[in-house]
């Protein structure tokens, strides 16, 4: 193979890798955006704890789909379209829940606990997104981390599905969030980089 052909193949490979990283980053950015919208709804009283919990269940499903799609380190166009459809549905559900006339008390202890947990989701997802953007997380690692996010979302759903998040339930969620935070740090600093 001539040097010029080799350079063309190398450049095409780098462009494809960068494009793929951008696609994964955009999926994670949507996770951040959805979580921020849920948190804002709780803070404004447009969402009550029960509604936020149902939305977290839907976020769990998205994180599971992302984990499954990235298990092999690749995100096919069909997988991306499926995840985008799920994200679009949750986006519409957030909007509907925020305008359905049911109000929450943003100052209640339960809502404050849910707000704190959802804010932590925002932070964790932003850390994952930053890892994709700076290359410190591989696609396979992102998939594993999304599986961890799904577990946290599931705990939030179970805690709030009755409309109340108690102190013991929040401790359970915080324990899972701490484990997830450690995994994010470990994966970002393990020396594996996006190639």
Protein backbone atom coordinates (compact mmCIF):
# COMPACT_ATOMS: atom_id res chain seq x y z
CA UNK A 1 0.00 0.00 0.00
CA UNK A 2 1.34 3.38 -0.95
CA UNK A 3 1.93 6.00 1.71
CA UNK A 4 -0.78 8.25 0.25
CA UNK A 5 -3.35 5.42 0.41
CA UNK A 6 -2.32 4.65 3.96
CA UNK A 7 -2.76 8.31 4.94
CA UNK A 8 -6.24 8.38 3.36
CA UNK A 9 -7.27 5.28 5.30
CA UNK A 10 -5.81 6.69 8.52
CA UNK A 11 -7.56 10.05 8.10
CA UNK A 12 -10.88 8.34 7.25
CA UNK A 13 -10.54 6.17 10.34
CA UNK A 14 -9.86 9.18 12.57
CA UNK A 15 -12.81 11.10 11.11
CA UNK A 16 -15.12 8.12 11.63
CA UNK A 17 -13.90 7.70 15.22
CA UNK A 18 -14.43 11.39 15.98
CA UNK A 19 -17.88 11.29 14.39
CA UNK A 20 -18.82 8.24 16.45
CA UNK A 21 -17.58 9.88 19.64
CA UNK A 22 -19.72 12.91 18.85
CA UNK A 23 -22.76 10.65 18.36
CA UNK A 24 -22.24 8.95 21.73
CA UNK A 25 -21.63 12.33 23.38
CA UNK A 26 -24.87 13.69 21.93
CA UNK A 27 -26.82 10.73 23.34
CA UNK A 28 -25.34 11.31 26.79
CA UNK A 29 -26.01 15.06 26.46
CA UNK A 30 -29.69 14.26 25.92
CA UNK A 31 -29.61 12.27 29.18
CA UNK A 32 -28.23 15.36 30.92
CA UNK A 33 -30.91 17.58 29.39
CA UNK A 34 -33.77 15.24 30.37
CA UNK A 35 -32.51 14.98 33.94
CA UNK A 36 -32.21 18.77 34.19
CA UNK A 37 -35.79 19.17 32.96
CA UNK A 38 -37.01 16.71 35.61
CA UNK A 39 -35.08 18.52 38.32
CA UNK A 40 -36.40 21.91 37.15
CA UNK A 41 -39.95 20.54 37.22
CA UNK A 42 -39.47 19.39 40.80
CA UNK A 43 -37.98 22.73 41.83
CA UNK A 44 -40.82 24.71 40.24
CA UNK A 45 -43.54 22.44 41.62
CA UNK A 46 -44.67 21.48 38.12
CA UNK A 47 -43.70 17.89 38.94
CA UNK A 48 -44.51 16.04 42.10
CA UNK A 49 -42.34 13.24 43.46
CA UNK A 50 -44.53 10.49 42.00
CA UNK A 51 -44.39 12.02 38.51
CA UNK A 52 -40.62 12.45 38.73
CA UNK A 53 -40.29 8.83 39.81
CA UNK A 54 -42.24 7.64 36.76
CA UNK A 55 -39.99 9.73 34.54
CA UNK A 56 -36.92 8.22 36.22
CA UNK A 57 -38.29 4.77 35.31
CA UNK A 58 -38.33 5.90 31.68
CA UNK A 59 -34.79 7.26 32.04
CA UNK A 60 -33.80 3.85 33.41
CA UNK A 61 -35.12 2.23 30.23
CA UNK A 62 -33.10 4.64 28.08
CA UNK A 63 -29.90 4.02 30.06
CA UNK A 64 -30.44 0.27 29.72
CA UNK A 65 -30.92 0.66 25.95
CA UNK A 66 -27.73 2.73 25.73
CA UNK A 67 -25.83 0.14 27.77
CA UNK A 68 -27.06 -2.67 25.54
CA UNK A 69 -26.25 -0.73 22.36
CA UNK A 70 -22.71 0.11 23.51
CA UNK A 71 -21.93 -3.32 24.93
CA UNK A 72 -19.96 -4.12 21.78
CA UNK A 73 -18.38 -0.65 21.73
CA UNK A 74 -20.39 0.42 18.69
CA UNK A 75 -23.60 2.39 18.18
CA UNK A 76 -25.33 1.40 14.97
CA UNK A 77 -27.65 3.75 13.14
CA UNK A 78 -30.61 1.52 14.08
CA UNK A 79 -29.61 1.58 17.76
CA UNK A 80 -29.22 5.36 17.64
CA UNK A 81 -32.65 5.76 16.05
CA UNK A 82 -34.23 3.50 18.68
CA UNK A 83 -32.64 5.47 21.53
CA UNK A 84 -33.62 8.77 19.91
CA UNK A 85 -37.24 7.57 19.69
CA UNK A 86 -37.15 6.65 23.38
CA UNK A 87 -35.65 10.05 24.24
CA UNK A 88 -38.32 11.84 22.17
CA UNK A 89 -41.07 9.95 23.98
CA UNK A 90 -39.66 10.83 27.41
CA UNK A 91 -39.26 14.44 26.33
CA UNK A 92 -42.96 14.59 25.44
CA UNK A 93 -43.85 12.86 28.71
CA UNK A 94 -41.84 15.37 30.74
CA UNK A 95 -43.65 18.21 29.00
CA UNK A 96 -47.05 16.56 29.55
CA UNK A 97 -46.38 15.83 33.23
CA UNK A 98 -45.21 19.40 33.83
CA UNK A 99 -48.46 20.79 32.40
CA UNK A 100 -51.05 18.28 33.63
CA UNK A 101 -52.26 20.39 36.54
CA UNK A 102 -50.76 18.16 39.22
CA UNK A 103 -48.48 20.17 41.44
CA UNK A 104 -45.74 19.20 43.81
CA UNK A 105 -44.43 20.96 46.87
CA UNK A 106 -40.81 21.77 46.03
CA UNK A 107 -40.13 22.58 49.69
CA UNK A 108 -41.29 19.23 51.05
CA UNK A 109 -38.60 16.93 52.43
CA UNK A 110 -39.54 14.26 49.89
CA UNK A 111 -39.27 16.62 46.92
CA UNK A 112 -35.98 17.99 48.26
CA UNK A 113 -34.60 14.45 48.44
CA UNK A 114 -35.73 13.67 44.89
CA UNK A 115 -34.31 16.99 43.66
CA UNK A 116 -30.93 16.18 45.19
CA UNK A 117 -30.92 12.71 43.65
CA UNK A 118 -31.86 13.97 40.20
CA UNK A 119 -29.20 16.70 40.43
CA UNK A 120 -26.68 13.98 41.17
CA UNK A 121 -27.86 12.20 37.99
CA UNK A 122 -27.19 15.39 36.05
CA UNK A 123 -23.68 15.57 37.50
CA UNK A 124 -22.91 11.90 36.80
CA UNK A 125 -24.17 12.11 33.21
CA UNK A 126 -22.12 15.28 32.63
CA UNK A 127 -19.02 13.48 33.88
CA UNK A 128 -19.69 10.63 31.45
CA UNK A 129 -20.27 13.09 28.61
CA UNK A 130 -17.00 14.89 29.43
CA UNK A 131 -15.20 11.54 29.39
CA UNK A 132 -16.53 10.83 25.92
CA UNK A 133 -15.55 14.28 24.69
CA UNK A 134 -12.02 14.22 26.10
CA UNK A 135 -11.44 10.61 25.07
CA UNK A 136 -10.87 9.28 28.60
CA UNK A 137 -13.84 6.90 28.25
CA UNK A 138 -14.15 4.22 25.61
CA UNK A 139 -17.55 3.41 24.14
CA UNK A 140 -17.53 0.09 25.97
CA UNK A 141 -16.89 1.91 29.26
CA UNK A 142 -19.73 4.34 28.51
CA UNK A 143 -22.03 1.36 28.03
CA UNK A 144 -21.06 -0.08 31.42
CA UNK A 145 -21.51 3.31 33.07
CA UNK A 146 -24.95 3.74 31.52
CA UNK A 147 -25.89 0.37 33.01
CA UNK A 148 -24.88 1.80 36.40
CA UNK A 149 -26.96 4.93 35.75
CA UNK A 150 -29.92 2.68 34.96
CA UNK A 151 -29.57 1.05 38.39
CA UNK A 152 -29.59 4.45 40.10
CA UNK A 153 -32.63 5.56 38.07
CA UNK A 154 -34.40 2.34 39.07
CA UNK A 155 -33.76 2.99 42.75
CA UNK A 156 -35.14 6.51 42.36
CA UNK A 157 -38.25 5.13 40.68
CA UNK A 158 -38.83 2.55 43.41
CA UNK A 159 -38.26 5.12 46.15
CA UNK A 160 -40.63 7.73 44.72
CA UNK A 161 -43.33 5.65 43.03
CA UNK A 162 -45.59 6.04 46.08
CA UNK A 163 -45.08 9.81 46.01
CA UNK A 164 -42.69 9.95 48.97
CA UNK A 165 -38.93 9.50 49.25
CA UNK A 166 -37.92 8.74 52.81
CA UNK A 167 -34.53 9.20 54.45
CA UNK A 168 -33.73 5.48 54.37
CA UNK A 169 -34.65 5.32 50.67
CA UNK A 170 -32.45 8.29 49.91
CA UNK A 171 -29.51 6.68 51.76
CA UNK A 172 -29.96 3.61 49.55
CA UNK A 173 -29.95 5.83 46.43
CA UNK A 174 -26.92 7.78 47.66
CA UNK A 175 -25.02 4.54 48.23
CA UNK A 176 -25.69 3.53 44.62
CA UNK A 177 -24.73 7.02 43.42
CA UNK A 178 -21.45 6.85 45.36
CA UNK A 179 -20.63 3.49 43.76
CA UNK A 180 -21.43 4.93 40.34
CA UNK A 181 -19.29 8.00 41.00
CA UNK A 182 -16.36 5.76 41.92
CA UNK A 183 -16.84 3.72 38.72
CA UNK A 184 -16.90 6.86 36.59
CA UNK A 185 -13.66 8.07 38.18
CA UNK A 186 -12.01 4.67 37.84
CA UNK A 187 -12.97 4.34 34.17
CA UNK A 188 -11.88 7.87 33.31
CA UNK A 189 -8.45 7.37 34.89
CA UNK A 190 -7.70 3.75 33.93
CA UNK A 191 -5.53 4.69 30.97
CA UNK A 192 -7.94 3.31 28.37
CA UNK A 193 -8.58 5.98 25.81
CA UNK A 194 -10.82 6.32 22.81
CA UNK A 195 -8.75 5.47 19.77
